[in-house]
Amino acid sequence: MSEQDRIVRLYAKGAPVGVHDGGLAGFPGEGHRAVEWAVGEADGGFRLTVKGTEDTVTAPGTDRARALVRPDGSPASVWRLQRVTPEGLTAVGSPADLRTGTYVITQNGLALGRDLFEEPSPAPKPVVIRTDDREPHWTVEVLI
């Protein structure tokens, strides 16, 4: 983690996001399972790293699949963030530009998010690359 990183909490479809069985997951009604994320610049985008670890959000490929959380310094762990504004989407250029608000997170044009339709139990909900949700909005809560 560098001094320029921002520490945030992530929420997908309103649920806090953390790690479950090696993958990224939303925890409806279970805020205590959320983790803090370090958002740092990397290769023209950002890495989302579990604070205090080397574990980053990684796409296992370009097919629709669950996002993994593991040590990874490859391009598979570099994401683009765009802030959702009334005028449309605005690209985030550096961690310093992050503000608490609504964002879209993508990699190679593929959106990261929870599925549009999920089973209704309170079980952890997987976060996938190439989600079928047409508005995969994330809430980013900037802590530091």
C-alpha atoms as a PDB file:
ATOM      1  CA  MET A   1       0.000   0.000   0.000  1.00  0.00           C
ATOM      2  CA  SER A   2       1.419   3.385  -0.964  1.00  0.00           C
ATOM      3  CA  GLU A   3       0.840   6.754   0.666  1.00  0.00           C
ATOM      4  CA  GLN A   4      -1.246   7.822  -2.361  1.00  0.00           C
ATOM      5  CA  ASP A   5      -3.753   4.967  -1.948  1.00  0.00           C
ATOM      6  CA  ARG A   6      -7.258   5.799  -0.794  1.00  0.00           C
ATOM      7  CA  ILE A   7      -8.939   3.568   1.779  1.00  0.00           C
ATOM      8  CA  VAL A   8     -12.561   2.836   0.917  1.00  0.00           C
ATOM      9  CA  ARG A   9     -15.486   0.548   1.581  1.00  0.00           C
ATOM     10  CA  LEU A  10     -17.268  -0.872  -1.453  1.00  0.00           C
ATOM     11  CA  TYR A  11     -20.977  -1.632  -1.771  1.00  0.00           C
ATOM     12  CA  ALA A  12     -22.575  -3.559  -4.655  1.00  0.00           C
ATOM     13  CA  LYS A  13     -26.367  -3.245  -4.898  1.00  0.00           C
ATOM     14  CA  GLY A  14     -26.262  -1.664  -1.446  1.00  0.00           C
ATOM     15  CA  ALA A  15     -24.518  -4.612   0.217  1.00  0.00           C
ATOM     16  CA  PRO A  16     -21.042  -4.265   1.725  1.00  0.00           C
ATOM     17  CA  VAL A  17     -18.397  -6.141  -0.243  1.00  0.00           C
ATOM     18  CA  GLY A  18     -15.749  -8.469   1.108  1.00  0.00           C
ATOM     19  CA  VAL A  19     -14.129 -11.821   0.431  1.00  0.00           C
ATOM     20  CA  HIS A  20     -15.880 -15.202   0.560  1.00  0.00           C
ATOM     21  CA  ASP A  21     -14.211 -18.493  -0.450  1.00  0.00           C
ATOM     22  CA  GLY A  22     -11.488 -16.705  -2.430  1.00  0.00           C
ATOM     23  CA  GLY A  23     -13.878 -14.560  -4.407  1.00  0.00           C
ATOM     24  CA  LEU A  24     -15.455 -11.130  -4.243  1.00  0.00           C
ATOM     25  CA  ALA A  25     -18.901 -11.156  -2.622  1.00  0.00           C
ATOM     26  CA  GLY A  26     -21.658  -8.879  -1.401  1.00  0.00           C
ATOM     27  CA  PHE A  27     -22.991  -9.510   2.089  1.00  0.00           C
ATOM     28  CA  PRO A  28     -26.624  -8.347   2.319  1.00  0.00           C
ATOM     29  CA  GLY A  29     -27.408  -7.452   5.928  1.00  0.00           C
ATOM     30  CA  GLU A  30     -23.925  -8.420   7.117  1.00  0.00           C
ATOM     31  CA  GLY A  31     -21.919  -5.209   7.316  1.00  0.00           C
ATOM     32  CA  HIS A  32     -19.453  -6.767   9.741  1.00  0.00           C
ATOM     33  CA  ARG A  33     -18.129  -8.979   6.897  1.00  0.00           C
ATOM     34  CA  ALA A  34     -17.131  -6.022   4.748  1.00  0.00           C
ATOM     35  CA  VAL A  35     -13.461  -5.247   4.350  1.00  0.00           C
ATOM     36  CA  GLU A  36     -11.600  -2.030   3.770  1.00  0.00           C
ATOM     37  CA  TRP A  37      -9.969  -1.666   0.364  1.00  0.00           C
ATOM     38  CA  ALA A  38      -6.862   0.236  -0.689  1.00  0.00           C
ATOM     39  CA  VAL A  39      -7.379   1.829  -4.109  1.00  0.00           C
ATOM     40  CA  GLY A  40      -4.048   2.504  -5.782  1.00  0.00           C
ATOM     41  CA  GLU A  41      -2.873   3.462  -9.260  1.00  0.00           C
ATOM     42  CA  ALA A  42      -1.621   0.658 -11.492  1.00  0.00           C
ATOM     43  CA  ASP A  43      -0.840   0.526 -15.209  1.00  0.00           C
ATOM     44  CA  GLY A  44      -3.337   3.191 -16.314  1.00  0.00           C
ATOM     45  CA  GLY A  45      -6.045   2.067 -13.912  1.00  0.00           C
ATOM     46  CA  PHE A  46      -6.447   0.998 -10.308  1.00  0.00           C
ATOM     47  CA  ARG A  47      -5.882  -2.031  -8.124  1.00  0.00           C
ATOM     48  CA  LEU A  48      -8.421  -2.814  -5.427  1.00  0.00           C
ATOM     49  CA  THR A  49      -6.463  -4.478  -2.632  1.00  0.00           C
ATOM     50  CA  VAL A  50      -7.740  -5.776   0.693  1.00  0.00           C
ATOM     51  CA  LYS A  51      -6.208  -3.349   3.193  1.00  0.00           C
ATOM     52  CA  GLY A  52      -3.156  -4.831   4.898  1.00  0.00           C
ATOM     53  CA  THR A  53      -2.733  -7.697   2.407  1.00  0.00           C
ATOM     54  CA  GLU A  54      -1.493  -8.374  -1.129  1.00  0.00           C
ATOM     55  CA  ASP A  55      -4.919  -9.730  -2.173  1.00  0.00           C
ATOM     56  CA  THR A  56      -6.387  -7.855  -5.136  1.00  0.00           C
ATOM     57  CA  VAL A  57      -9.619  -8.131  -7.088  1.00  0.00           C
ATOM     58  CA  THR A  58      -8.778 -10.121 -10.210  1.00  0.00           C
ATOM     59  CA  ALA A  59     -10.784 -11.132 -13.275  1.00  0.00           C
ATOM     60  CA  PRO A  60     -10.130 -14.759 -14.201  1.00  0.00           C
ATOM     61  CA  GLY A  61     -10.593 -13.905 -17.909  1.00  0.00           C
ATOM     62  CA  THR A  62     -13.041 -12.185 -20.232  1.00  0.00           C
ATOM     63  CA  ASP A  63     -15.812 -14.772 -19.889  1.00  0.00           C
ATOM     64  CA  ARG A  64     -18.540 -14.199 -17.353  1.00  0.00           C
ATOM     65  CA  ALA A  65     -17.108 -15.484 -14.070  1.00  0.00           C
ATOM     66  CA  ARG A  66     -16.790 -14.702 -10.392  1.00  0.00           C
ATOM     67  CA  ALA A  67     -14.131 -12.106  -9.582  1.00  0.00           C
ATOM     68  CA  LEU A  68     -11.324 -13.604  -7.517  1.00  0.00           C
ATOM     69  CA  VAL A  69      -9.408 -12.047  -4.629  1.00  0.00           C
ATOM     70  CA  ARG A  70      -5.772 -13.160  -4.522  1.00  0.00           C
ATOM     71  CA  PRO A  71      -2.235 -11.809  -4.880  1.00  0.00           C
ATOM     72  CA  ASP A  72      -1.948 -10.687  -8.504  1.00  0.00           C
ATOM     73  CA  GLY A  73       0.193  -8.014 -10.152  1.00  0.00           C
ATOM     74  CA  SER A  74      -0.933  -8.780 -13.698  1.00  0.00           C
ATOM     75  CA  PRO A  75      -3.248  -6.733 -15.956  1.00  0.00           C
ATOM     76  CA  ALA A  76      -6.078  -9.006 -14.744  1.00  0.00           C
ATOM     77  CA  SER A  77      -6.081  -6.999 -11.505  1.00  0.00           C
ATOM     78  CA  VAL A  78      -6.253  -3.519 -13.091  1.00  0.00           C
ATOM     79  CA  TRP A  79      -9.671  -1.818 -13.108  1.00  0.00           C
ATOM     80  CA  ARG A  80     -11.149   1.406 -14.461  1.00  0.00           C
ATOM     81  CA  LEU A  81     -13.389   3.520 -12.255  1.00  0.00           C
ATOM     82  CA  GLN A  82     -15.971   5.951 -13.587  1.00  0.00           C
ATOM     83  CA  ARG A  83     -18.047   8.231 -11.395  1.00  0.00           C
ATOM     84  CA  VAL A  84     -21.766   8.318 -12.158  1.00  0.00           C
ATOM     85  CA  THR A  85     -22.978  11.917 -12.436  1.00  0.00           C
ATOM     86  CA  PRO A  86     -26.220  13.466 -13.728  1.00  0.00           C
ATOM     87  CA  GLU A  87     -24.302  14.263 -16.932  1.00  0.00           C
ATOM     88  CA  GLY A  88     -23.092  10.674 -17.393  1.00  0.00           C
ATOM     89  CA  LEU A  89     -19.887   8.800 -16.559  1.00  0.00           C
ATOM     90  CA  THR A  90     -16.643  10.597 -15.681  1.00  0.00           C
ATOM     91  CA  ALA A  91     -13.342   8.675 -15.643  1.00  0.00           C
ATOM     92  CA  VAL A  92     -11.383   8.746 -12.391  1.00  0.00           C
ATOM     93  CA  GLY A  93      -7.773   9.749 -13.074  1.00  0.00           C
ATOM     94  CA  SER A  94      -6.122   9.186  -9.692  1.00  0.00           C
ATOM     95  CA  PRO A  95      -6.973   7.969  -6.197  1.00  0.00           C
ATOM     96  CA  ALA A  96      -7.071  11.625  -5.096  1.00  0.00           C
ATOM     97  CA  ASP A  97     -10.094  12.114  -7.416  1.00  0.00           C
ATOM     98  CA  LEU A  98     -12.181   9.550  -5.509  1.00  0.00           C
ATOM     99  CA  ARG A  99     -15.113  10.936  -3.548  1.00  0.00           C
ATOM    100  CA  THR A 100     -17.867   9.078  -1.758  1.00  0.00           C
ATOM    101  CA  GLY A 101     -20.455   8.389  -4.429  1.00  0.00           C
ATOM    102  CA  THR A 102     -21.674   6.104  -7.182  1.00  0.00           C
ATOM    103  CA  TYR A 103     -19.265   4.458  -9.630  1.00  0.00           C
ATOM    104  CA  VAL A 104     -18.993   1.873 -12.382  1.00  0.00           C
ATOM    105  CA  ILE A 105     -16.015  -0.509 -12.220  1.00  0.00           C
ATOM    106  CA  THR A 106     -14.822  -2.122 -15.468  1.00  0.00           C
ATOM    107  CA  GLN A 107     -11.968  -4.034 -17.020  1.00  0.00           C
ATOM    108  CA  ASN A 108     -11.516  -4.078 -20.795  1.00  0.00           C
ATOM    109  CA  GLY A 109     -15.023  -2.639 -21.112  1.00  0.00           C
ATOM    110  CA  LEU A 110     -16.568  -5.458 -19.049  1.00  0.00           C
ATOM    111  CA  ALA A 111     -18.545  -4.396 -16.000  1.00  0.00           C
ATOM    112  CA  LEU A 112     -17.929  -5.786 -12.519  1.00  0.00           C
ATOM    113  CA  GLY A 113     -21.031  -6.303 -10.389  1.00  0.00           C
ATOM    114  CA  ARG A 114     -23.641  -8.562  -8.890  1.00  0.00           C
ATOM    115  CA  ASP A 115     -26.114 -10.337 -11.120  1.00  0.00           C
ATOM    116  CA  LEU A 116     -29.400  -8.713 -11.980  1.00  0.00           C
ATOM    117  CA  PHE A 117     -31.341 -11.720 -10.686  1.00  0.00           C
ATOM    118  CA  GLU A 118     -30.167 -13.517  -7.529  1.00  0.00           C
ATOM    119  CA  GLU A 119     -31.707 -16.019  -5.185  1.00  0.00           C
ATOM    120  CA  PRO A 120     -33.344 -14.114  -2.294  1.00  0.00           C
ATOM    121  CA  SER A 121     -31.527 -15.699   0.674  1.00  0.00           C
ATOM    122  CA  PRO A 122     -29.181 -13.661   2.892  1.00  0.00           C
ATOM    123  CA  ALA A 123     -26.242 -15.824   1.713  1.00  0.00           C
ATOM    124  CA  PRO A 124     -23.168 -14.061   0.267  1.00  0.00           C
ATOM    125  CA  LYS A 125     -23.785 -12.922  -3.315  1.00  0.00           C
ATOM    126  CA  PRO A 126     -20.975 -13.432  -5.841  1.00  0.00           C
ATOM    127  CA  VAL A 127     -19.576 -10.440  -7.707  1.00  0.00           C
ATOM    128  CA  VAL A 128     -18.824 -11.265 -11.330  1.00  0.00           C
ATOM    129  CA  ILE A 129     -17.017  -9.831 -14.305  1.00  0.00           C
ATOM    130  CA  ARG A 130     -19.347  -9.306 -17.265  1.00  0.00           C
ATOM    131  CA  THR A 131     -22.388  -8.993 -15.020  1.00  0.00           C
ATOM    132  CA  ASP A 132     -25.827  -9.148 -16.608  1.00  0.00           C
ATOM    133  CA  ASP A 133     -26.887  -6.051 -14.642  1.00  0.00           C
ATOM    134  CA  ARG A 134     -27.326  -3.159 -17.096  1.00  0.00           C
ATOM    135  CA  GLU A 135     -26.577  -0.582 -14.395  1.00  0.00           C
ATOM    136  CA  PRO A 136     -23.883  -2.192 -12.242  1.00  0.00           C
ATOM    137  CA  HIS A 137     -23.500   0.748  -9.896  1.00  0.00           C
ATOM    138  CA  TRP A 138     -21.183   0.625  -6.923  1.00  0.00           C
ATOM    139  CA  THR A 139     -21.141   2.864  -3.893  1.00  0.00           C
ATOM    140  CA  VAL A 140     -17.623   3.847  -2.929  1.00  0.00           C
ATOM    141  CA  GLU A 141     -17.343   5.210   0.607  1.00  0.00           C
ATOM    142  CA  VAL A 142     -14.034   7.030   1.003  1.00  0.00           C
ATOM    143  CA  LEU A 143     -12.640   6.557   4.510  1.00  0.00           C
ATOM    144  CA  ILE A 144      -9.142   8.041   4.081  1.00  0.00           C
END
